[in-house]
Amino acid sequence: MVTINKTLRSFDFDKSDIKEVRLNMIKETDFEVNDYRFIHANDIDDILADELQSDLYILGSFNAWFIADILNLDIEIIEKLQECNGYEGLGKMLVKHIDTVTEQYIKHDGYGHHFAHYDHSEHEFGDWYFFRVS
C-alpha cells in the first residue's frame, strides 16, 4: 500500500513539509503546503461552488454552450449577451443554479482546471485532493 509519505515524496516534499501536511490533515479541510493546495473530499464541492459564485463576471464567461445548457436557453442568446459584455448578468443567472453549475463543471473539467493554477492537474490520496497552485 502506498503511504501518504511516499506519495508526497514523489512530488518532492521534504520531511518537514510532509509533517506539516499530516498535521494539517488532522485539523483542516483546506490548506496549502509547499505550493500545493489540499482539500478534503467532503468539502471540495462546496468550496468549488463558493469560489465559482464569488466572481460573477468569470462565471458568466464560461463557454456559451455550457451556460445555455444549464439555463436551458438558446446558445445564440448566450453568445449575444457575451458579445454585449453581459458576463456579470449571466453570472447572476447561473448563481441560482450553482449546484448544477458545480456538478457539470466537475463532469466536464474535473477539479484541476479550477484549483490547480500551475498545471490544471488534480491528484488524489485517500479522501484528499491536492493541486499545484504555483
C-alpha atoms as a PDB file:
ATOM      1  CA  MET A   1       0.000   0.000   0.000  1.00  0.00           C
ATOM      2  CA  VAL A   2       1.296   3.437  -0.964  1.00  0.00           C
ATOM      3  CA  THR A   3       1.546   5.769   2.014  1.00  0.00           C
ATOM      4  CA  ILE A   4       0.935   9.496   2.069  1.00  0.00           C
ATOM      5  CA  ASN A   5       4.640   9.963   2.819  1.00  0.00           C
ATOM      6  CA  LYS A   6       5.664   8.056  -0.305  1.00  0.00           C
ATOM      7  CA  THR A   7       3.094   9.890  -2.417  1.00  0.00           C
ATOM      8  CA  LEU A   8       4.262  13.313  -1.214  1.00  0.00           C
ATOM      9  CA  ARG A   9       7.945  12.408  -1.655  1.00  0.00           C
ATOM     10  CA  SER A  10       7.157  11.661  -5.291  1.00  0.00           C
ATOM     11  CA  PHE A  11       6.076  15.335  -5.538  1.00  0.00           C
ATOM     12  CA  ASP A  12       9.377  16.498  -3.970  1.00  0.00           C
ATOM     13  CA  PHE A  13       8.005  17.178  -0.486  1.00  0.00           C
ATOM     14  CA  ASP A  14      10.713  17.031   2.162  1.00  0.00           C
ATOM     15  CA  LYS A  15      10.254  15.595   5.666  1.00  0.00           C
ATOM     16  CA  SER A  16       9.207  18.886   7.257  1.00  0.00           C
ATOM     17  CA  ASP A  17       6.632  19.544   4.511  1.00  0.00           C
ATOM     18  CA  ILE A  18       5.235  16.025   4.897  1.00  0.00           C
ATOM     19  CA  LYS A  19       4.940  16.562   8.634  1.00  0.00           C
ATOM     20  CA  GLU A  20       3.137  19.862   8.049  1.00  0.00           C
ATOM     21  CA  VAL A  21       0.710  18.192   5.610  1.00  0.00           C
ATOM     22  CA  ARG A  22      -0.036  15.361   8.041  1.00  0.00           C
ATOM     23  CA  LEU A  23      -0.673  17.795  10.908  1.00  0.00           C
ATOM     24  CA  ASN A  24      -2.947  19.961   8.779  1.00  0.00           C
ATOM     25  CA  MET A  25      -4.915  16.906   7.640  1.00  0.00           C
ATOM     26  CA  ILE A  26      -5.906  16.361  11.269  1.00  0.00           C
ATOM     27  CA  LYS A  27      -7.298  19.850  11.876  1.00  0.00           C
ATOM     28  CA  GLU A  28      -8.049  21.439   8.477  1.00  0.00           C
ATOM     29  CA  THR A  29     -10.050  20.543   5.381  1.00  0.00           C
ATOM     30  CA  ASP A  30      -8.474  23.131   3.042  1.00  0.00           C
ATOM     31  CA  PHE A  31      -4.846  24.228   3.344  1.00  0.00           C
ATOM     32  CA  GLU A  32      -1.649  24.885   1.393  1.00  0.00           C
ATOM     33  CA  VAL A  33       1.841  23.500   1.862  1.00  0.00           C
ATOM     34  CA  ASN A  34       4.826  23.875  -0.467  1.00  0.00           C
ATOM     35  CA  ASP A  35       2.876  25.346  -3.426  1.00  0.00           C
ATOM     36  CA  TYR A  36       0.169  22.662  -3.197  1.00  0.00           C
ATOM     37  CA  ARG A  37      -3.408  23.080  -2.042  1.00  0.00           C
ATOM     38  CA  PHE A  38      -5.007  20.177  -0.176  1.00  0.00           C
ATOM     39  CA  ILE A  39      -8.810  19.853   0.043  1.00  0.00           C
ATOM     40  CA  HIS A  40     -10.783  17.092   1.751  1.00  0.00           C
ATOM     41  CA  ALA A  41     -13.250  15.259  -0.489  1.00  0.00           C
ATOM     42  CA  ASN A  42     -16.165  16.048   1.858  1.00  0.00           C
ATOM     43  CA  ASP A  43     -15.685  19.797   1.320  1.00  0.00           C
ATOM     44  CA  ILE A  44     -14.357  20.166  -2.206  1.00  0.00           C
ATOM     45  CA  ASP A  45     -17.712  20.595  -3.980  1.00  0.00           C
ATOM     46  CA  ASP A  46     -18.842  23.315  -1.556  1.00  0.00           C
ATOM     47  CA  ILE A  47     -15.501  25.106  -1.828  1.00  0.00           C
ATOM     48  CA  LEU A  48     -15.680  24.956  -5.623  1.00  0.00           C
ATOM     49  CA  ALA A  49     -19.258  26.311  -5.607  1.00  0.00           C
ATOM     50  CA  ASP A  50     -18.290  29.158  -3.248  1.00  0.00           C
ATOM     51  CA  GLU A  51     -15.299  30.121  -5.367  1.00  0.00           C
ATOM     52  CA  LEU A  52     -17.218  29.929  -8.649  1.00  0.00           C
ATOM     53  CA  GLN A  53     -20.003  32.192  -7.429  1.00  0.00           C
ATOM     54  CA  SER A  54     -17.607  34.690  -5.865  1.00  0.00           C
ATOM     55  CA  ASP A  55     -16.816  36.195  -9.303  1.00  0.00           C
ATOM     56  CA  LEU A  56     -19.957  36.670 -11.376  1.00  0.00           C
ATOM     57  CA  TYR A  57     -18.018  38.068 -14.352  1.00  0.00           C
ATOM     58  CA  ILE A  58     -15.887  34.934 -14.641  1.00  0.00           C
ATOM     59  CA  LEU A  59     -18.916  32.694 -14.089  1.00  0.00           C
ATOM     60  CA  GLY A  60     -20.684  34.438 -16.974  1.00  0.00           C
ATOM     61  CA  SER A  61     -17.570  33.974 -19.119  1.00  0.00           C
ATOM     62  CA  PHE A  62     -17.920  30.204 -19.289  1.00  0.00           C
ATOM     63  CA  ASN A  63     -18.458  28.636 -22.708  1.00  0.00           C
ATOM     64  CA  ALA A  64     -21.764  29.659 -24.240  1.00  0.00           C
ATOM     65  CA  TRP A  65     -22.842  26.028 -24.774  1.00  0.00           C
ATOM     66  CA  PHE A  66     -22.205  25.281 -21.084  1.00  0.00           C
ATOM     67  CA  ILE A  67     -24.262  28.268 -19.909  1.00  0.00           C
ATOM     68  CA  ALA A  68     -27.036  27.615 -22.445  1.00  0.00           C
ATOM     69  CA  ASP A  69     -27.336  24.023 -21.282  1.00  0.00           C
ATOM     70  CA  ILE A  70     -27.617  24.975 -17.606  1.00  0.00           C
ATOM     71  CA  LEU A  71     -30.010  27.886 -18.149  1.00  0.00           C
ATOM     72  CA  ASN A  72     -31.972  25.989 -20.807  1.00  0.00           C
ATOM     73  CA  LEU A  73     -31.599  28.887 -23.251  1.00  0.00           C
ATOM     74  CA  ASP A  74     -30.694  29.015 -26.916  1.00  0.00           C
ATOM     75  CA  ILE A  75     -26.925  29.253 -27.358  1.00  0.00           C
ATOM     76  CA  GLU A  76     -27.314  32.314 -29.629  1.00  0.00           C
ATOM     77  CA  ILE A  77     -28.888  34.240 -26.748  1.00  0.00           C
ATOM     78  CA  ILE A  78     -25.906  33.466 -24.544  1.00  0.00           C
ATOM     79  CA  GLU A  79     -23.449  34.396 -27.304  1.00  0.00           C
ATOM     80  CA  LYS A  80     -25.218  37.745 -27.876  1.00  0.00           C
ATOM     81  CA  LEU A  81     -25.194  38.529 -24.157  1.00  0.00           C
ATOM     82  CA  GLN A  82     -21.478  37.739 -24.013  1.00  0.00           C
ATOM     83  CA  GLU A  83     -20.803  39.870 -27.123  1.00  0.00           C
ATOM     84  CA  CYS A  84     -22.532  42.777 -25.323  1.00  0.00           C
ATOM     85  CA  ASN A  85     -20.335  42.271 -22.233  1.00  0.00           C
ATOM     86  CA  GLY A  86     -23.239  40.752 -20.268  1.00  0.00           C
ATOM     87  CA  TYR A  87     -20.951  38.410 -18.355  1.00  0.00           C
ATOM     88  CA  GLU A  88     -21.930  39.591 -14.893  1.00  0.00           C
ATOM     89  CA  GLY A  89     -25.639  39.302 -15.702  1.00  0.00           C
ATOM     90  CA  LEU A  90     -25.123  35.758 -16.929  1.00  0.00           C
ATOM     91  CA  GLY A  91     -23.172  35.037 -13.755  1.00  0.00           C
ATOM     92  CA  LYS A  92     -26.104  36.270 -11.669  1.00  0.00           C
ATOM     93  CA  MET A  93     -28.419  33.914 -13.524  1.00  0.00           C
ATOM     94  CA  LEU A  94     -26.014  30.996 -13.074  1.00  0.00           C
ATOM     95  CA  VAL A  95     -25.691  31.537  -9.307  1.00  0.00           C
ATOM     96  CA  LYS A  96     -29.308  30.448  -8.951  1.00  0.00           C
ATOM     97  CA  HIS A  97     -28.211  27.087 -10.411  1.00  0.00           C
ATOM     98  CA  ILE A  98     -24.818  26.845  -8.674  1.00  0.00           C
ATOM     99  CA  ASP A  99     -25.262  23.189  -7.681  1.00  0.00           C
ATOM    100  CA  THR A 100     -25.854  22.231 -11.314  1.00  0.00           C
ATOM    101  CA  VAL A 101     -23.004  24.505 -12.448  1.00  0.00           C
ATOM    102  CA  THR A 102     -20.647  22.825  -9.981  1.00  0.00           C
ATOM    103  CA  GLU A 103     -21.782  19.325 -10.936  1.00  0.00           C
ATOM    104  CA  GLN A 104     -21.411  19.989 -14.672  1.00  0.00           C
ATOM    105  CA  TYR A 105     -18.099  21.827 -14.219  1.00  0.00           C
ATOM    106  CA  ILE A 106     -16.641  18.799 -12.438  1.00  0.00           C
ATOM    107  CA  LYS A 107     -18.097  16.441 -15.053  1.00  0.00           C
ATOM    108  CA  HIS A 108     -16.508  18.355 -17.943  1.00  0.00           C
ATOM    109  CA  ASP A 109     -13.263  19.712 -16.457  1.00  0.00           C
ATOM    110  CA  GLY A 110     -12.668  17.946 -13.141  1.00  0.00           C
ATOM    111  CA  TYR A 111     -11.323  19.841 -10.157  1.00  0.00           C
ATOM    112  CA  GLY A 112      -7.849  20.509 -11.505  1.00  0.00           C
ATOM    113  CA  HIS A 113      -8.885  23.136 -14.020  1.00  0.00           C
ATOM    114  CA  HIS A 114     -10.175  25.363 -11.237  1.00  0.00           C
ATOM    115  CA  PHE A 115      -7.852  24.644  -8.314  1.00  0.00           C
ATOM    116  CA  ALA A 116      -4.505  23.864  -9.990  1.00  0.00           C
ATOM    117  CA  HIS A 117      -3.401  27.230 -11.325  1.00  0.00           C
ATOM    118  CA  TYR A 118       0.014  25.828 -12.197  1.00  0.00           C
ATOM    119  CA  ASP A 119      -0.813  22.888 -14.466  1.00  0.00           C
ATOM    120  CA  HIS A 120      -4.565  22.152 -14.096  1.00  0.00           C
ATOM    121  CA  SER A 121      -3.794  18.659 -12.763  1.00  0.00           C
ATOM    122  CA  GLU A 122      -5.566  17.032  -9.857  1.00  0.00           C
ATOM    123  CA  HIS A 123      -4.092  14.403  -7.586  1.00  0.00           C
ATOM    124  CA  GLU A 124      -5.829  12.192  -5.054  1.00  0.00           C
ATOM    125  CA  PHE A 125      -4.810  10.334  -1.972  1.00  0.00           C
ATOM    126  CA  GLY A 126      -7.498   8.658   0.119  1.00  0.00           C
ATOM    127  CA  ASP A 127     -10.120  11.284   0.957  1.00  0.00           C
ATOM    128  CA  TRP A 128      -7.924  14.157  -0.172  1.00  0.00           C
ATOM    129  CA  TYR A 129      -7.363  16.037  -3.402  1.00  0.00           C
ATOM    130  CA  PHE A 130      -4.268  18.110  -3.925  1.00  0.00           C
ATOM    131  CA  PHE A 131      -3.292  20.599  -6.601  1.00  0.00           C
ATOM    132  CA  ARG A 132      -0.170  22.513  -7.554  1.00  0.00           C
ATOM    133  CA  VAL A 133      -1.045  26.188  -7.228  1.00  0.00           C
ATOM    134  CA  SER A 134       2.254  27.856  -8.118  1.00  0.00           C
END
